[in-house]
Amino acid sequence: MDIHAGSYQDPPEFAGLAHFHEHMLFLGTEKYPGEDAYESYLSANGGSCNAFTADEQTNYYFDVTAPHLEGTEMKEHGCVFLVMLNKATS
């Protein structure tokens, strides 16, 4: 999943904000509430995940063996962003 926002979008008074948000996504979701629960699921099923923040984008990626793809719920990561955006605009 690629978000068209990176370190160039950091406000001057909050340098590193995009990178901070990159890491926040790995702190847990509703389905995988523990800090390392999602990564543990992937690892236990032959996969991994990572992310990077560049100047103009933040990218999240994962891999897992095909039989376990359904359990990854990548849509959960998208939902995290929707929740964050909804709270920010409320």
N, C-alpha and C. Protein backbone atom coordinates (compact mmCIF):
# COMPACT_ATOMS: atom_id res chain seq x y z
N MET A 1 0.85 -1.14 0.00
CA MET A 1 0.00 0.00 0.00
C MET A 1 0.91 1.22 0.00
N ASP A 2 0.66 2.13 -0.91
CA ASP A 2 1.50 3.32 -1.00
C ASP A 2 0.65 4.56 -0.71
N ILE A 3 1.13 5.36 0.20
CA ILE A 3 0.47 6.61 0.57
C ILE A 3 1.29 7.74 -0.04
N HIS A 4 0.63 8.61 -0.77
CA HIS A 4 1.34 9.72 -1.42
C HIS A 4 1.57 10.85 -0.41
N ALA A 5 2.37 10.54 0.60
CA ALA A 5 2.77 11.52 1.61
C ALA A 5 4.04 10.99 2.26
N GLY A 6 5.00 11.84 2.40
CA GLY A 6 6.26 11.43 3.00
C GLY A 6 6.87 12.55 3.81
N SER A 7 8.18 12.51 3.96
CA SER A 7 8.84 13.48 4.83
C SER A 7 8.74 14.92 4.33
N TYR A 8 8.53 15.12 3.02
CA TYR A 8 8.35 16.48 2.51
C TYR A 8 7.08 17.13 3.05
N GLN A 9 6.11 16.31 3.47
CA GLN A 9 4.87 16.85 3.99
C GLN A 9 4.93 17.11 5.50
N ASP A 10 6.03 16.78 6.14
CA ASP A 10 6.17 17.05 7.58
C ASP A 10 6.11 18.55 7.84
N PRO A 11 5.29 18.97 8.81
CA PRO A 11 5.34 20.38 9.19
C PRO A 11 6.71 20.70 9.79
N PRO A 12 7.23 21.89 9.58
CA PRO A 12 8.57 22.23 10.10
C PRO A 12 8.72 21.97 11.60
N GLU A 13 7.66 22.20 12.34
CA GLU A 13 7.75 22.03 13.80
C GLU A 13 7.63 20.56 14.23
N PHE A 14 7.33 19.66 13.27
CA PHE A 14 7.21 18.24 13.59
C PHE A 14 8.00 17.38 12.61
N ALA A 15 9.25 17.67 12.46
CA ALA A 15 10.11 16.87 11.58
C ALA A 15 10.06 15.41 12.00
N GLY A 16 9.90 14.52 11.03
CA GLY A 16 9.83 13.09 11.32
C GLY A 16 8.42 12.56 11.52
N LEU A 17 7.41 13.39 11.35
CA LEU A 17 6.03 12.98 11.59
C LEU A 17 5.59 11.85 10.66
N ALA A 18 5.93 11.92 9.39
CA ALA A 18 5.54 10.85 8.46
C ALA A 18 6.16 9.51 8.87
N HIS A 19 7.41 9.54 9.26
CA HIS A 19 8.09 8.32 9.70
C HIS A 19 7.47 7.78 10.99
N PHE A 20 7.10 8.68 11.87
CA PHE A 20 6.43 8.29 13.11
C PHE A 20 5.11 7.57 12.79
N HIS A 21 4.33 8.12 11.87
CA HIS A 21 3.07 7.49 11.49
C HIS A 21 3.30 6.14 10.84
N GLU A 22 4.38 6.01 10.09
CA GLU A 22 4.71 4.71 9.49
C GLU A 22 4.80 3.65 10.58
N HIS A 23 5.47 3.97 11.66
CA HIS A 23 5.65 3.01 12.75
C HIS A 23 4.37 2.79 13.54
N MET A 24 3.52 3.77 13.62
CA MET A 24 2.27 3.63 14.37
C MET A 24 1.39 2.51 13.81
N LEU A 25 1.44 2.30 12.52
CA LEU A 25 0.60 1.28 11.92
C LEU A 25 0.95 -0.12 12.42
N PHE A 26 2.17 -0.33 12.84
CA PHE A 26 2.59 -1.64 13.31
C PHE A 26 2.32 -1.85 14.80
N LEU A 27 1.70 -0.90 15.45
CA LEU A 27 1.44 -1.04 16.89
C LEU A 27 0.18 -1.83 17.20
N GLY A 28 -0.59 -2.18 16.20
CA GLY A 28 -1.77 -3.01 16.43
C GLY A 28 -2.98 -2.53 15.67
N THR A 29 -3.86 -3.48 15.38
CA THR A 29 -5.13 -3.19 14.74
C THR A 29 -6.21 -3.90 15.55
N GLU A 30 -7.45 -3.77 15.14
CA GLU A 30 -8.52 -4.44 15.87
C GLU A 30 -8.35 -5.96 15.85
N LYS A 31 -8.00 -6.50 14.68
CA LYS A 31 -7.83 -7.96 14.57
C LYS A 31 -6.53 -8.43 15.21
N TYR A 32 -5.49 -7.61 15.13
CA TYR A 32 -4.18 -7.96 15.68
C TYR A 32 -3.79 -6.87 16.68
N PRO A 33 -4.38 -6.89 17.89
CA PRO A 33 -4.21 -5.77 18.82
C PRO A 33 -2.82 -5.67 19.47
N GLY A 34 -2.10 -6.75 19.56
CA GLY A 34 -0.78 -6.69 20.18
C GLY A 34 0.23 -5.99 19.30
N GLU A 35 1.23 -5.40 19.91
CA GLU A 35 2.23 -4.63 19.17
C GLU A 35 2.88 -5.43 18.05
N ASP A 36 3.15 -6.71 18.28
CA ASP A 36 3.80 -7.53 17.26
C ASP A 36 2.89 -8.63 16.72
N ALA A 37 1.59 -8.54 16.96
CA ALA A 37 0.67 -9.62 16.59
C ALA A 37 0.60 -9.84 15.08
N TYR A 38 0.50 -8.78 14.31
CA TYR A 38 0.41 -8.92 12.85
C TYR A 38 1.71 -9.50 12.29
N GLU A 39 2.82 -8.95 12.72
CA GLU A 39 4.12 -9.45 12.26
C GLU A 39 4.32 -10.91 12.68
N SER A 40 3.87 -11.26 13.87
CA SER A 40 3.98 -12.65 14.33
C SER A 40 3.15 -13.59 13.48
N TYR A 41 1.93 -13.15 13.11
CA TYR A 41 1.08 -13.97 12.23
C TYR A 41 1.79 -14.22 10.91
N LEU A 42 2.31 -13.16 10.31
CA LEU A 42 3.00 -13.31 9.03
C LEU A 42 4.20 -14.24 9.16
N SER A 43 5.02 -14.01 10.19
CA SER A 43 6.22 -14.81 10.39
C SER A 43 5.89 -16.29 10.59
N ALA A 44 4.85 -16.56 11.36
CA ALA A 44 4.45 -17.95 11.62
C ALA A 44 3.95 -18.63 10.35
N ASN A 45 3.61 -17.84 9.34
CA ASN A 45 3.08 -18.39 8.11
C ASN A 45 3.96 -18.09 6.90
N GLY A 46 5.28 -18.03 7.15
CA GLY A 46 6.25 -17.90 6.08
C GLY A 46 6.36 -16.52 5.46
N GLY A 47 5.94 -15.49 6.17
CA GLY A 47 5.95 -14.15 5.59
C GLY A 47 6.67 -13.13 6.44
N SER A 48 6.54 -11.89 6.00
CA SER A 48 7.15 -10.77 6.71
C SER A 48 6.45 -9.48 6.28
N CYS A 49 6.77 -8.40 6.96
CA CYS A 49 6.22 -7.10 6.57
C CYS A 49 7.25 -6.03 6.88
N ASN A 50 7.11 -4.92 6.20
CA ASN A 50 8.02 -3.80 6.43
C ASN A 50 7.40 -2.56 5.82
N ALA A 51 8.07 -1.45 5.97
CA ALA A 51 7.59 -0.18 5.43
C ALA A 51 8.78 0.75 5.27
N PHE A 52 8.55 1.81 4.49
CA PHE A 52 9.57 2.86 4.41
C PHE A 52 8.90 4.19 4.15
N THR A 53 9.54 5.22 4.61
CA THR A 53 9.09 6.59 4.36
C THR A 53 10.14 7.25 3.49
N ALA A 54 9.70 7.77 2.36
CA ALA A 54 10.57 8.50 1.44
C ALA A 54 10.16 9.97 1.44
N ASP A 55 10.75 10.73 0.55
CA ASP A 55 10.45 12.16 0.50
C ASP A 55 8.97 12.45 0.23
N GLU A 56 8.38 11.71 -0.71
CA GLU A 56 7.01 12.00 -1.11
C GLU A 56 6.06 10.81 -1.01
N GLN A 57 6.49 9.74 -0.36
CA GLN A 57 5.60 8.59 -0.21
C GLN A 57 5.97 7.79 1.03
N THR A 58 4.97 7.06 1.52
CA THR A 58 5.17 6.09 2.59
C THR A 58 4.60 4.79 2.07
N ASN A 59 5.36 3.71 2.15
CA ASN A 59 4.98 2.45 1.55
C ASN A 59 5.00 1.35 2.59
N TYR A 60 3.93 0.56 2.61
CA TYR A 60 3.82 -0.61 3.49
C TYR A 60 3.71 -1.84 2.60
N TYR A 61 4.43 -2.89 2.94
CA TYR A 61 4.36 -4.10 2.13
C TYR A 61 4.50 -5.33 3.01
N PHE A 62 3.99 -6.44 2.52
CA PHE A 62 4.07 -7.70 3.25
C PHE A 62 4.11 -8.85 2.26
N ASP A 63 4.54 -10.00 2.74
CA ASP A 63 4.42 -11.23 1.98
C ASP A 63 4.06 -12.34 2.96
N VAL A 64 3.41 -13.37 2.44
CA VAL A 64 2.99 -14.51 3.25
C VAL A 64 2.72 -15.65 2.28
N THR A 65 2.81 -16.89 2.75
CA THR A 65 2.53 -18.01 1.87
C THR A 65 1.06 -17.99 1.45
N ALA A 66 0.80 -18.42 0.23
CA ALA A 66 -0.53 -18.31 -0.37
C ALA A 66 -1.67 -18.87 0.50
N PRO A 67 -1.50 -20.02 1.14
CA PRO A 67 -2.63 -20.54 1.93
C PRO A 67 -3.06 -19.63 3.08
N HIS A 68 -2.19 -18.71 3.48
CA HIS A 68 -2.48 -17.85 4.64
C HIS A 68 -2.77 -16.40 4.25
N LEU A 69 -2.87 -16.15 2.97
CA LEU A 69 -3.11 -14.79 2.50
C LEU A 69 -4.42 -14.21 3.03
N GLU A 70 -5.45 -15.03 3.10
CA GLU A 70 -6.76 -14.56 3.56
C GLU A 70 -6.69 -13.99 4.98
N GLY A 71 -5.86 -14.56 5.84
CA GLY A 71 -5.76 -14.10 7.22
C GLY A 71 -4.99 -12.82 7.41
N THR A 72 -4.34 -12.32 6.37
CA THR A 72 -3.52 -11.12 6.54
C THR A 72 -4.34 -9.88 6.72
N GLU A 73 -5.55 -9.86 6.14
CA GLU A 73 -6.45 -8.71 6.31
C GLU A 73 -5.74 -7.39 6.04
N MET A 74 -5.09 -7.33 4.87
CA MET A 74 -4.42 -6.08 4.53
C MET A 74 -5.39 -4.91 4.56
N LYS A 75 -6.67 -5.19 4.34
CA LYS A 75 -7.65 -4.12 4.41
C LYS A 75 -7.67 -3.46 5.79
N GLU A 76 -7.23 -4.18 6.82
CA GLU A 76 -7.18 -3.59 8.16
C GLU A 76 -6.25 -2.39 8.18
N HIS A 77 -5.15 -2.46 7.46
CA HIS A 77 -4.24 -1.33 7.43
C HIS A 77 -4.91 -0.13 6.79
N GLY A 78 -5.66 -0.37 5.72
CA GLY A 78 -6.40 0.72 5.10
C GLY A 78 -7.41 1.31 6.06
N CYS A 79 -8.06 0.45 6.84
CA CYS A 79 -9.04 0.93 7.82
C CYS A 79 -8.38 1.79 8.89
N VAL A 80 -7.16 1.47 9.26
CA VAL A 80 -6.44 2.28 10.25
C VAL A 80 -6.31 3.71 9.72
N PHE A 81 -5.98 3.85 8.45
CA PHE A 81 -5.84 5.19 7.89
C PHE A 81 -7.17 5.91 7.84
N LEU A 82 -8.25 5.18 7.54
CA LEU A 82 -9.56 5.82 7.52
C LEU A 82 -9.95 6.31 8.90
N VAL A 83 -9.69 5.53 9.91
CA VAL A 83 -9.99 5.94 11.29
C VAL A 83 -9.17 7.17 11.64
N MET A 84 -7.88 7.16 11.29
CA MET A 84 -7.01 8.30 11.60
C MET A 84 -7.52 9.55 10.88
N LEU A 85 -7.89 9.40 9.61
CA LEU A 85 -8.37 10.55 8.84
C LEU A 85 -9.69 11.07 9.38
N ASN A 86 -10.60 10.15 9.73
CA ASN A 86 -11.90 10.56 10.27
C ASN A 86 -11.74 11.31 11.59
N LYS A 87 -10.84 10.84 12.43
CA LYS A 87 -10.62 11.52 13.72
C LYS A 87 -9.98 12.89 13.49
N ALA A 88 -9.10 12.98 12.50
CA ALA A 88 -8.42 14.24 12.23
C ALA A 88 -9.36 15.28 11.65
N THR A 89 -10.38 14.83 10.92
CA THR A 89 -11.28 15.79 10.28
C THR A 89 -12.54 16.02 11.09
N SER A 90 -12.72 15.30 12.19
CA SER A 90 -13.92 15.46 13.02
C SER A 90 -13.86 16.73 13.85
